[in-house]
C-alpha atoms as a PDB file:
ATOM      1  CA  MET A   1       0.196   0.106   0.215  1.00  0.00           C
ATOM      2  CA  GLY A   2       1.188   3.703  -0.637  1.00  0.00           C
ATOM      3  CA  LYS A   3       1.815   6.106   1.946  1.00  0.00           C
ATOM      4  CA  ALA A   4       1.317   9.836   2.019  1.00  0.00           C
ATOM      5  CA  HIS A   5       4.581  12.409   2.633  1.00  0.00           C
ATOM      6  CA  THR A   6       5.214  12.330   6.175  1.00  0.00           C
ATOM      7  CA  LYS A   7       6.687  15.793   6.201  1.00  0.00           C
ATOM      8  CA  GLN A   8       3.094  17.609   6.124  1.00  0.00           C
ATOM      9  CA  SER A   9       0.469  18.709   8.762  1.00  0.00           C
ATOM     10  CA  PHE A  10      -0.993  15.866  10.265  1.00  0.00           C
ATOM     11  CA  GLN A  11      -4.841  16.610   9.316  1.00  0.00           C
ATOM     12  CA  ASP A  12      -3.678  16.629   5.272  1.00  0.00           C
ATOM     13  CA  TRP A  13      -1.802  13.303   6.304  1.00  0.00           C
ATOM     14  CA  ILE A  14      -4.712  11.582   7.243  1.00  0.00           C
ATOM     15  CA  THR A  15      -6.497  12.494   4.832  1.00  0.00           C
ATOM     16  CA  GLN A  16      -4.304  11.365   1.884  1.00  0.00           C
ATOM     17  CA  GLN A  17      -3.505   8.350   3.803  1.00  0.00           C
ATOM     18  CA  TRP A  18      -7.458   7.757   3.293  1.00  0.00           C
ATOM     19  CA  VAL A  19      -7.705   8.426  -0.134  1.00  0.00           C
ATOM     20  CA  ILE A  20      -4.867   5.690  -0.468  1.00  0.00           C
ATOM     21  CA  LEU A  21      -6.301   3.316   1.738  1.00  0.00           C
ATOM     22  CA  PHE A  22     -10.072   3.840  -0.016  1.00  0.00           C
ATOM     23  CA  GLY A  23      -9.149   4.868  -3.367  1.00  0.00           C
ATOM     24  CA  GLN A  24      -7.077   3.458  -6.023  1.00  0.00           C
ATOM     25  CA  LYS A  25      -4.173   3.667  -7.964  1.00  0.00           C
ATOM     26  CA  ILE A  26      -3.895   5.298 -11.232  1.00  0.00           C
ATOM     27  CA  GLU A  27      -1.510   6.154 -14.490  1.00  0.00           C
ATOM     28  CA  THR A  28      -0.701   8.732 -15.916  1.00  0.00           C
ATOM     29  CA  SER A  29      -1.323   7.536 -19.316  1.00  0.00           C
ATOM     30  CA  GLU A  30      -4.563   6.584 -18.990  1.00  0.00           C
ATOM     31  CA  HIS A  31      -6.185   9.183 -16.769  1.00  0.00           C
ATOM     32  CA  LYS A  32      -5.161  12.607 -18.645  1.00  0.00           C
ATOM     33  CA  TRP A  33      -8.394  13.937 -18.663  1.00  0.00           C
ATOM     34  CA  LEU A  34      -8.599  13.982 -14.782  1.00  0.00           C
ATOM     35  CA  LEU A  35      -4.880  15.232 -14.059  1.00  0.00           C
ATOM     36  CA  GLY A  36      -4.080  18.678 -13.169  1.00  0.00           C
ATOM     37  CA  PRO A  37      -1.868  20.912 -11.100  1.00  0.00           C
ATOM     38  CA  PHE A  38      -1.237  19.638  -7.609  1.00  0.00           C
ATOM     39  CA  GLY A  39      -0.931  21.880  -4.829  1.00  0.00           C
ATOM     40  CA  GLU A  40       2.666  22.270  -2.711  1.00  0.00           C
ATOM     41  CA  LEU A  41       2.897  22.140   0.967  1.00  0.00           C
ATOM     42  CA  ASN A  42       3.672  25.960   1.768  1.00  0.00           C
ATOM     43  CA  GLY A  43       0.164  27.357   0.856  1.00  0.00           C
ATOM     44  CA  ILE A  44      -2.168  27.443  -1.685  1.00  0.00           C
ATOM     45  CA  GLY A  45      -4.255  30.659  -1.903  1.00  0.00           C
ATOM     46  CA  VAL A  46      -2.071  33.268  -4.109  1.00  0.00           C
ATOM     47  CA  LYS A  47       0.960  31.531  -3.759  1.00  0.00           C
ATOM     48  CA  PHE A  48      -0.251  29.083  -5.601  1.00  0.00           C
ATOM     49  CA  ILE A  49      -0.283  30.941  -8.956  1.00  0.00           C
ATOM     50  CA  LYS A  50       3.229  31.526  -9.267  1.00  0.00           C
ATOM     51  CA  GLN A  51       4.258  28.144  -8.043  1.00  0.00           C
ATOM     52  CA  LEU A  52       2.421  27.135 -10.706  1.00  0.00           C
ATOM     53  CA  ALA A  53       3.749  29.728 -13.150  1.00  0.00           C
ATOM     54  CA  ASP A  54       7.350  28.667 -12.570  1.00  0.00           C
ATOM     55  CA  LYS A  55       6.970  25.021 -12.322  1.00  0.00           C
ATOM     56  CA  GLU A  56       5.307  25.437 -15.809  1.00  0.00           C
ATOM     57  CA  HIS A  57       7.092  27.996 -17.360  1.00  0.00           C
ATOM     58  CA  LEU A  58       4.534  30.371 -18.094  1.00  0.00           C
ATOM     59  CA  ALA A  59       3.975  33.681 -17.775  1.00  0.00           C
ATOM     60  CA  ILE A  60       1.251  35.709 -15.512  1.00  0.00           C
ATOM     61  CA  ASP A  61      -0.996  37.649 -17.985  1.00  0.00           C
ATOM     62  CA  ASN A  62      -1.654  41.141 -15.349  1.00  0.00           C
ATOM     63  CA  GLU A  63      -4.589  42.336 -17.982  1.00  0.00           C
ATOM     64  CA  LYS A  64      -7.679  42.439 -15.538  1.00  0.00           C
ATOM     65  CA  ASN A  65     -10.412  42.709 -18.003  1.00  0.00           C
ATOM     66  CA  GLY A  66     -12.109  40.508 -20.899  1.00  0.00           C
ATOM     67  CA  LYS A  67     -11.008  36.843 -19.815  1.00  0.00           C
ATOM     68  CA  GLY A  68     -13.106  34.446 -19.468  1.00  0.00           C
ATOM     69  CA  LEU A  69     -13.453  30.950 -17.903  1.00  0.00           C
ATOM     70  CA  ILE A  70     -12.993  29.519 -21.459  1.00  0.00           C
ATOM     71  CA  GLN A  71     -11.802  31.508 -24.617  1.00  0.00           C
ATOM     72  CA  SER A  72     -14.975  30.477 -26.606  1.00  0.00           C
ATOM     73  CA  ILE A  73     -18.369  28.542 -25.980  1.00  0.00           C
ATOM     74  CA  HIS A  74     -17.831  25.947 -28.520  1.00  0.00           C
ATOM     75  CA  GLN A  75     -15.153  24.516 -26.035  1.00  0.00           C
ATOM     76  CA  LEU A  76     -17.768  22.756 -24.646  1.00  0.00           C
ATOM     77  CA  ASN A  77     -18.543  20.870 -28.163  1.00  0.00           C
ATOM     78  CA  LEU A  78     -22.015  21.699 -27.546  1.00  0.00           C
ATOM     79  CA  GLN A  79     -24.605  20.268 -30.084  1.00  0.00           C
ATOM     80  CA  GLU A  80     -25.502  23.134 -32.852  1.00  0.00           C
ATOM     81  CA  LYS A  81     -28.938  23.351 -31.798  1.00  0.00           C
ATOM     82  CA  GLU A  82     -27.718  24.043 -27.853  1.00  0.00           C
ATOM     83  CA  ILE A  83     -25.344  26.824 -28.883  1.00  0.00           C
ATOM     84  CA  LYS A  84     -28.358  28.839 -30.506  1.00  0.00           C
ATOM     85  CA  VAL A  85     -30.873  28.293 -27.540  1.00  0.00           C
ATOM     86  CA  LEU A  86     -28.133  29.281 -24.910  1.00  0.00           C
ATOM     87  CA  SER A  87     -28.501  32.361 -23.680  1.00  0.00           C
ATOM     88  CA  GLN A  88     -26.103  35.404 -25.289  1.00  0.00           C
ATOM     89  CA  ASN A  89     -25.586  36.687 -21.688  1.00  0.00           C
ATOM     90  CA  VAL A  90     -24.836  33.352 -20.527  1.00  0.00           C
ATOM     91  CA  ILE A  91     -21.867  33.108 -23.053  1.00  0.00           C
ATOM     92  CA  ASP A  92     -20.604  36.385 -22.632  1.00  0.00           C
ATOM     93  CA  PHE A  93     -20.277  35.725 -18.917  1.00  0.00           C
ATOM     94  CA  TYR A  94     -18.068  32.314 -19.414  1.00  0.00           C
ATOM     95  CA  GLN A  95     -16.330  34.064 -22.144  1.00  0.00           C
ATOM     96  CA  ASN A  96     -15.599  37.486 -20.410  1.00  0.00           C
ATOM     97  CA  THR A  97     -15.889  36.248 -16.968  1.00  0.00           C
ATOM     98  CA  SER A  98     -13.235  39.059 -15.626  1.00  0.00           C
ATOM     99  CA  ASP A  99     -15.971  41.772 -16.496  1.00  0.00           C
ATOM    100  CA  TYR A 100     -18.899  40.294 -13.693  1.00  0.00           C
ATOM    101  CA  GLU A 101     -18.911  40.788 -10.319  1.00  0.00           C
ATOM    102  CA  LEU A 102     -20.823  38.332  -7.963  1.00  0.00           C
ATOM    103  CA  LYS A 103     -23.415  38.927  -5.315  1.00  0.00           C
ATOM    104  CA  LEU A 104     -23.677  35.683  -3.010  1.00  0.00           C
ATOM    105  CA  LYS A 105     -26.143  34.314  -1.102  1.00  0.00           C
ATOM    106  CA  VAL A 106     -25.859  31.108   0.986  1.00  0.00           C
ATOM    107  CA  LYS A 107     -28.431  28.726   2.406  1.00  0.00           C
ATOM    108  CA  TRP A 108     -27.249  25.586   4.544  1.00  0.00           C
ATOM    109  CA  ASN A 109     -29.099  22.206   5.469  1.00  0.00           C
ATOM    110  CA  PRO A 110     -28.775  22.804   9.324  1.00  0.00           C
ATOM    111  CA  PHE A 111     -27.725  19.157   9.348  1.00  0.00           C
ATOM    112  CA  PHE A 112     -24.631  19.550   7.584  1.00  0.00           C
ATOM    113  CA  LYS A 113     -23.724  22.692   8.972  1.00  0.00           C
ATOM    114  CA  ILE A 114     -20.669  21.155  11.173  1.00  0.00           C
ATOM    115  CA  PHE A 115     -19.115  19.447   8.287  1.00  0.00           C
ATOM    116  CA  GLY A 116     -18.418  22.969   7.214  1.00  0.00           C
ATOM    117  CA  VAL A 117     -17.530  23.879  10.567  1.00  0.00           C
ATOM    118  CA  LEU A 118     -15.031  21.028  10.758  1.00  0.00           C
ATOM    119  CA  LEU A 119     -13.862  22.118   6.978  1.00  0.00           C
ATOM    120  CA  ARG A 120     -13.455  25.739   7.933  1.00  0.00           C
ATOM    121  CA  VAL A 121     -11.299  24.955  10.877  1.00  0.00           C
ATOM    122  CA  ILE A 122      -9.194  21.948  10.188  1.00  0.00           C
ATOM    123  CA  PHE A 123      -8.401  23.315   6.183  1.00  0.00           C
ATOM    124  CA  SER A 124      -9.888  25.928   4.798  1.00  0.00           C
ATOM    125  CA  LYS A 125      -7.877  28.906   6.995  1.00  0.00           C
ATOM    126  CA  ARG A 126      -4.752  26.943   6.892  1.00  0.00           C
ATOM    127  CA  ILE A 127      -4.260  26.092   3.029  1.00  0.00           C
ATOM    128  CA  GLU A 128      -6.429  28.919   1.870  1.00  0.00           C
ATOM    129  CA  GLN A 129      -8.658  27.017  -0.022  1.00  0.00           C
ATOM    130  CA  LEU A 130     -12.583  25.822  -0.023  1.00  0.00           C
ATOM    131  CA  ASN A 131     -13.591  28.938   2.148  1.00  0.00           C
ATOM    132  CA  VAL A 132     -17.077  27.816   2.345  1.00  0.00           C
ATOM    133  CA  PRO A 133     -18.850  30.175   4.546  1.00  0.00           C
ATOM    134  CA  ILE A 134     -20.463  28.517   7.690  1.00  0.00           C
ATOM    135  CA  ARG A 135     -22.958  30.663   8.017  1.00  0.00           C
ATOM    136  CA  SER A 136     -26.000  31.099   6.204  1.00  0.00           C
ATOM    137  CA  ILE A 137     -25.952  34.763   4.205  1.00  0.00           C
ATOM    138  CA  LYS A 138     -29.522  36.115   3.705  1.00  0.00           C
ATOM    139  CA  ASN A 139     -28.118  39.671   2.059  1.00  0.00           C
ATOM    140  CA  SER A 140     -26.007  38.909  -0.415  1.00  0.00           C
ATOM    141  CA  GLU A 141     -22.500  39.548   0.161  1.00  0.00           C
ATOM    142  CA  THR A 142     -20.362  40.630  -2.793  1.00  0.00           C
ATOM    143  CA  LEU A 143     -17.459  39.121  -4.054  1.00  0.00           C
ATOM    144  CA  THR A 144     -14.266  39.780  -6.016  1.00  0.00           C
ATOM    145  CA  SER A 145     -13.820  37.883  -9.450  1.00  0.00           C
ATOM    146  CA  GLU A 146     -10.351  37.678 -10.592  1.00  0.00           C
ATOM    147  CA  ILE A 147      -9.292  35.581 -13.850  1.00  0.00           C
ATOM    148  CA  ILE A 148      -5.658  35.096 -14.526  1.00  0.00           C
ATOM    149  CA  HIS A 149      -4.384  33.550 -17.360  1.00  0.00           C
ATOM    150  CA  LEU A 150      -1.134  31.582 -17.920  1.00  0.00           C
ATOM    151  CA  LYS A 151       0.381  31.879 -20.721  1.00  0.00           C
ATOM    152  CA  ASP A 152       3.336  30.276 -23.100  1.00  0.00           C
ATOM    153  CA  PRO A 153       5.756  33.298 -23.067  1.00  0.00           C
ATOM    154  CA  LYS A 154       6.367  32.167 -26.591  1.00  0.00           C
ATOM    155  CA  THR A 155       3.613  32.112 -28.054  1.00  0.00           C
ATOM    156  CA  ASN A 156       1.297  33.962 -26.213  1.00  0.00           C
ATOM    157  CA  GLU A 157      -1.336  31.263 -25.649  1.00  0.00           C
ATOM    158  CA  VAL A 158      -3.381  30.615 -23.022  1.00  0.00           C
ATOM    159  CA  LYS A 159      -2.588  27.266 -20.799  1.00  0.00           C
ATOM    160  CA  ARG A 160      -3.924  27.564 -17.503  1.00  0.00           C
ATOM    161  CA  THR A 161      -6.871  29.487 -16.369  1.00  0.00           C
ATOM    162  CA  ILE A 162      -7.414  30.231 -12.544  1.00  0.00           C
ATOM    163  CA  TRP A 163     -10.479  31.833 -10.908  1.00  0.00           C
ATOM    164  CA  LEU A 164     -10.115  33.405  -7.611  1.00  0.00           C
ATOM    165  CA  ARG A 165     -12.863  34.297  -5.828  1.00  0.00           C
ATOM    166  CA  ALA A 166     -13.034  36.369  -2.517  1.00  0.00           C
ATOM    167  CA  PHE A 167     -15.365  38.311  -0.249  1.00  0.00           C
ATOM    168  CA  GLN A 168     -15.553  41.998  -0.751  1.00  0.00           C
ATOM    169  CA  SER A 169     -15.883  43.309   2.654  1.00  0.00           C
ATOM    170  CA  THR A 170     -13.031  41.117   4.368  1.00  0.00           C
ATOM    171  CA  GLY A 171     -10.565  40.204   1.222  1.00  0.00           C
ATOM    172  CA  GLN A 172     -10.975  36.567   2.619  1.00  0.00           C
ATOM    173  CA  GLY A 173     -10.375  33.694   0.187  1.00  0.00           C
ATOM    174  CA  VAL A 174     -13.575  31.533  -0.983  1.00  0.00           C
ATOM    175  CA  TYR A 175     -12.355  29.952  -3.733  1.00  0.00           C
ATOM    176  CA  SER A 176      -8.904  29.472  -5.930  1.00  0.00           C
ATOM    177  CA  GLY A 177      -9.407  27.223  -8.761  1.00  0.00           C
ATOM    178  CA  VAL A 178      -7.944  25.891 -12.188  1.00  0.00           C
ATOM    179  CA  TYR A 179     -10.490  25.568 -14.784  1.00  0.00           C
ATOM    180  CA  GLU A 180     -10.274  23.934 -18.591  1.00  0.00           C
ATOM    181  CA  THR A 181     -12.475  21.513 -20.221  1.00  0.00           C
ATOM    182  CA  CYS A 182     -11.746  17.889 -20.579  1.00  0.00           C
ATOM    183  CA  ILE A 183     -13.134  14.929 -22.567  1.00  0.00           C
ATOM    184  CA  ILE A 184     -14.045  11.921 -20.193  1.00  0.00           C
ATOM    185  CA  PRO A 185     -13.752   8.304 -21.552  1.00  0.00           C
ATOM    186  CA  SER A 186     -17.513   8.268 -23.179  1.00  0.00           C
ATOM    187  CA  GLY A 187     -15.977  11.337 -25.351  1.00  0.00           C
ATOM    188  CA  LYS A 188     -18.414  13.731 -23.164  1.00  0.00           C
ATOM    189  CA  THR A 189     -16.556  17.159 -22.915  1.00  0.00           C
ATOM    190  CA  CYS A 190     -16.908  18.525 -19.250  1.00  0.00           C
ATOM    191  CA  ILE A 191     -15.557  21.331 -17.551  1.00  0.00           C
ATOM    192  CA  LYS A 192     -13.235  20.142 -15.221  1.00  0.00           C
ATOM    193  CA  ALA A 193     -12.504  22.688 -11.722  1.00  0.00           C
ATOM    194  CA  ILE A 194      -9.409  22.172  -9.899  1.00  0.00           C
ATOM    195  CA  PHE A 195      -8.550  22.949  -6.389  1.00  0.00           C
ATOM    196  CA  PRO A 196      -5.111  22.515  -5.907  1.00  0.00           C
ATOM    197  CA  LEU A 197      -4.554  20.831  -2.277  1.00  0.00           C
ATOM    198  CA  PRO A 198      -1.388  19.805  -0.371  1.00  0.00           C
ATOM    199  CA  ASN A 199       0.107  17.273  -2.705  1.00  0.00           C
ATOM    200  CA  GLY A 200      -2.914  16.686  -4.550  1.00  0.00           C
ATOM    201  CA  SER A 201      -6.761  18.491  -5.543  1.00  0.00           C
ATOM    202  CA  ALA A 202      -9.955  18.336  -5.326  1.00  0.00           C
ATOM    203  CA  THR A 203     -11.447  18.118  -8.623  1.00  0.00           C
ATOM    204  CA  VAL A 204     -14.993  18.415  -9.687  1.00  0.00           C
ATOM    205  CA  ILE A 205     -15.776  17.086 -13.321  1.00  0.00           C
ATOM    206  CA  LEU A 206     -19.373  18.498 -14.606  1.00  0.00           C
ATOM    207  CA  THR A 207     -21.262  17.644 -17.687  1.00  0.00           C
ATOM    208  CA  PRO A 208     -23.018  20.529 -19.596  1.00  0.00           C
ATOM    209  CA  LYS A 209     -26.378  20.806 -21.568  1.00  0.00           C
ATOM    210  CA  VAL A 210     -28.718  23.544 -22.293  1.00  0.00           C
ATOM    211  CA  GLY A 211     -32.394  23.989 -20.491  1.00  0.00           C
ATOM    212  CA  ASN A 212     -35.270  24.754 -22.737  1.00  0.00           C
ATOM    213  CA  ASN A 213     -35.184  28.122 -21.170  1.00  0.00           C
ATOM    214  CA  GLY A 214     -31.759  28.844 -22.510  1.00  0.00           C
ATOM    215  CA  GLU A 215     -29.664  28.350 -19.351  1.00  0.00           C
ATOM    216  CA  LEU A 216     -26.615  26.483 -19.097  1.00  0.00           C
ATOM    217  CA  ILE A 217     -26.699  23.391 -16.689  1.00  0.00           C
ATOM    218  CA  LEU A 218     -23.765  21.934 -15.239  1.00  0.00           C
ATOM    219  CA  ASP A 219     -23.634  18.453 -13.848  1.00  0.00           C
ATOM    220  CA  SER A 220     -21.512  16.381 -11.557  1.00  0.00           C
ATOM    221  CA  ALA A 221     -23.917  13.386 -11.424  1.00  0.00           C
ATOM    222  CA  GLY A 222     -22.171  10.358 -12.784  1.00  0.00           C
ATOM    223  CA  ASN A 223     -21.543   6.976 -10.730  1.00  0.00           C
ATOM    224  CA  ARG A 224     -18.202   5.501 -11.315  1.00  0.00           C
ATOM    225  CA  ILE A 225     -14.779   6.686 -12.290  1.00  0.00           C
ATOM    226  CA  GLY A 226     -14.397   8.181 -15.474  1.00  0.00           C
ATOM    227  CA  ASP A 227     -17.880   9.581 -15.330  1.00  0.00           C
ATOM    228  CA  SER A 228     -18.650  13.243 -14.357  1.00  0.00           C
ATOM    229  CA  GLY A 229     -18.483  13.907 -10.639  1.00  0.00           C
ATOM    230  CA  PHE A 230     -16.279  14.705  -7.285  1.00  0.00           C
ATOM    231  CA  TYR A 231     -12.614  13.121  -7.222  1.00  0.00           C
ATOM    232  CA  PHE A 232      -9.787  13.640  -4.694  1.00  0.00           C
ATOM    233  CA  LEU A 233      -6.843  12.947  -6.222  1.00  0.00           C
ATOM    234  CA  LEU A 234      -2.787  13.256  -4.646  1.00  0.00           C
ATOM    235  CA  LYS A 235       0.836  11.946  -5.388  1.00  0.00           C
ATOM    236  CA  ASP A 236       2.155   9.513  -2.239  1.00  0.00           C
ATOM    237  CA  SER A 237       5.507   9.640  -1.351  1.00  0.00           C
ATOM    238  CA  LYS A 238       6.926   7.272  -4.273  1.00  0.00           C
ATOM    239  CA  GLY A 239       4.872   9.239  -6.726  1.00  0.00           C
ATOM    240  CA  GLN A 240       2.311   6.851  -7.001  1.00  0.00           C
ATOM    241  CA  LEU A 241      -1.208   8.919  -8.011  1.00  0.00           C
ATOM    242  CA  TRP A 242      -4.266   7.851  -6.048  1.00  0.00           C
ATOM    243  CA  THR A 243      -7.692   9.013  -6.523  1.00  0.00           C
ATOM    244  CA  LYS A 244     -11.007   8.567  -4.631  1.00  0.00           C
ATOM    245  CA  TYR A 245     -14.221   9.100  -6.587  1.00  0.00           C
ATOM    246  CA  ILE A 246     -17.090   9.984  -3.838  1.00  0.00           C
ATOM    247  CA  LYS A 247     -20.168   9.133  -5.617  1.00  0.00           C
ATOM    248  CA  SER A 248     -22.647  10.258  -2.861  1.00  0.00           C
ATOM    249  CA  PHE A 249     -21.092  14.115  -3.447  1.00  0.00           C
ATOM    250  CA  LYS A 250     -23.237  15.737  -6.324  1.00  0.00           C
ATOM    251  CA  ASP A 251     -22.890  19.363  -7.667  1.00  0.00           C
ATOM    252  CA  LYS A 252     -25.304  21.046 -10.242  1.00  0.00           C
ATOM    253  CA  LEU A 253     -25.237  24.767 -11.189  1.00  0.00           C
ATOM    254  CA  VAL A 254     -27.735  26.633 -13.769  1.00  0.00           C
ATOM    255  CA  VAL A 255     -26.932  29.615 -15.080  1.00  0.00           C
ATOM    256  CA  ARG A 256     -29.247  31.533 -16.432  1.00  0.00           C
ATOM    257  CA  SER A 257     -30.453  34.884 -17.905  1.00  0.00           C
ATOM    258  CA  ASP A 258     -34.077  36.586 -17.304  1.00  0.00           C
ATOM    259  CA  ASN A 259     -34.423  39.489 -18.518  1.00  0.00           C
ATOM    260  CA  GLU A 260     -31.081  40.822 -18.959  1.00  0.00           C
ATOM    261  CA  ASN A 261     -29.715  39.750 -15.523  1.00  0.00           C
ATOM    262  CA  ILE A 262     -28.105  36.499 -14.788  1.00  0.00           C
ATOM    263  CA  THR A 263     -28.403  34.278 -12.174  1.00  0.00           C
ATOM    264  CA  ALA A 264     -26.637  31.279 -10.811  1.00  0.00           C
ATOM    265  CA  SER A 265     -27.825  28.761  -8.572  1.00  0.00           C
ATOM    266  CA  GLN A 266     -25.803  25.704  -7.378  1.00  0.00           C
ATOM    267  CA  THR A 267     -26.702  22.805  -4.940  1.00  0.00           C
ATOM    268  CA  LEU A 268     -24.511  20.890  -3.770  1.00  0.00           C
ATOM    269  CA  THR A 269     -26.243  17.017  -2.199  1.00  0.00           C
ATOM    270  CA  LEU A 270     -24.748  14.352  -0.178  1.00  0.00           C
ATOM    271  CA  TRP A 271     -26.415  11.061  -0.614  1.00  0.00           C
ATOM    272  CA  ASN A 272     -29.249  12.440  -2.155  1.00  0.00           C
ATOM    273  CA  LEU A 273     -29.792  15.027   0.744  1.00  0.00           C
ATOM    274  CA  ARG A 274     -29.174  19.201   0.486  1.00  0.00           C
ATOM    275  CA  VAL A 275     -25.664  20.339   2.074  1.00  0.00           C
ATOM    276  CA  LEU A 276     -25.722  23.672   0.824  1.00  0.00           C
ATOM    277  CA  GLU A 277     -27.161  25.799  -1.478  1.00  0.00           C
ATOM    278  CA  PHE A 278     -25.561  28.966  -3.393  1.00  0.00           C
ATOM    279  CA  GLU A 279     -27.261  31.880  -5.228  1.00  0.00           C
ATOM    280  CA  TYR A 280     -25.591  34.180  -7.599  1.00  0.00           C
ATOM    281  CA  LEU A 281     -26.656  37.390  -8.596  1.00  0.00           C
ATOM    282  CA  ILE A 282     -23.959  38.029 -11.513  1.00  0.00           C
ATOM    283  CA  GLU A 283     -23.595  41.812 -13.165  1.00  0.00           C
ATOM    284  CA  LYS A 284     -21.462  43.213 -15.527  1.00  0.00           C
ATOM    285  CA  THR A 285     -19.038  45.582 -13.386  1.00  0.00           C
ATOM    286  CA  THR A 286     -19.931  49.674 -13.471  1.00  0.00           C
ATOM    287  CA  HIS A 287     -16.551  50.053 -15.648  1.00  0.00           C
ATOM    288  CA  ASN A 288     -17.180  47.446 -18.360  1.00  0.00           C
ATOM    289  CA  ARG A 289     -21.393  48.977 -18.862  1.00  0.00           C
ATOM    290  CA  GLY A 290     -20.188  51.481 -19.661  1.00  0.00           C
ATOM    291  CA  LEU A 291     -18.249  50.232 -22.398  1.00  0.00           C
ATOM    292  CA  ALA A 292     -20.941  48.289 -23.855  1.00  0.00           C
ATOM    293  CA  GLN A 293     -23.209  51.734 -23.988  1.00  0.00           C
END
């Protein structure tokens, strides 16, 4: 059996050893669709961006505006009829994410709130990652939203896209994730969100489809390794890769536009029970509204 790195915090060692014990070994050649950047031991958050750029010999693009989670909606390989139905406002948000700000409401299922408290106390503050609010937020709180592109310095091609979100009022980071598309073994193109952790990552793979009213639906409702869903990944002390697929955990995000207003609802469930709901109001920043007029 593999062993997690011993020179790290006890909390991280325990969780990594759990992945090794209950997960399975994977090979790079067979799981390229799943893999992504792993975090270092000395912090994630903003530190991770420079670490990743240095490791992959990429240049950090400091331009603030006009940068999207994806370069083009066609990267999702949706059917042509779906592209025609999909809201143009939703398309603009994904292609120009940095031009928008987000306002957030949070609603916890009280039964699961203790898990949020434990996540925050044991991991989130220390590693600057997955800082899910542990209180319900009834009145919207504004999030800062920054897209950072890491580019090939020779070709200027975008190689990595990082989305940083933090509470505007406190500056406290909520998520720091690497976003890209991948093709899972079934041949379906998905969005992959990689949240770096020490020696590994928490990775969510979401299958896209378009609803009847032009909304974009991203769903992680798979059943096994190779499907969309939630994965823990890590590299053990000997460099072997491991993953644990969390079948019981689901993430569904619906992004819609009504009367020129973009909203999103995200529901996290465990064992088919609602754990947490996020409601987002997505608005173009004042500066970018002016440019569009």
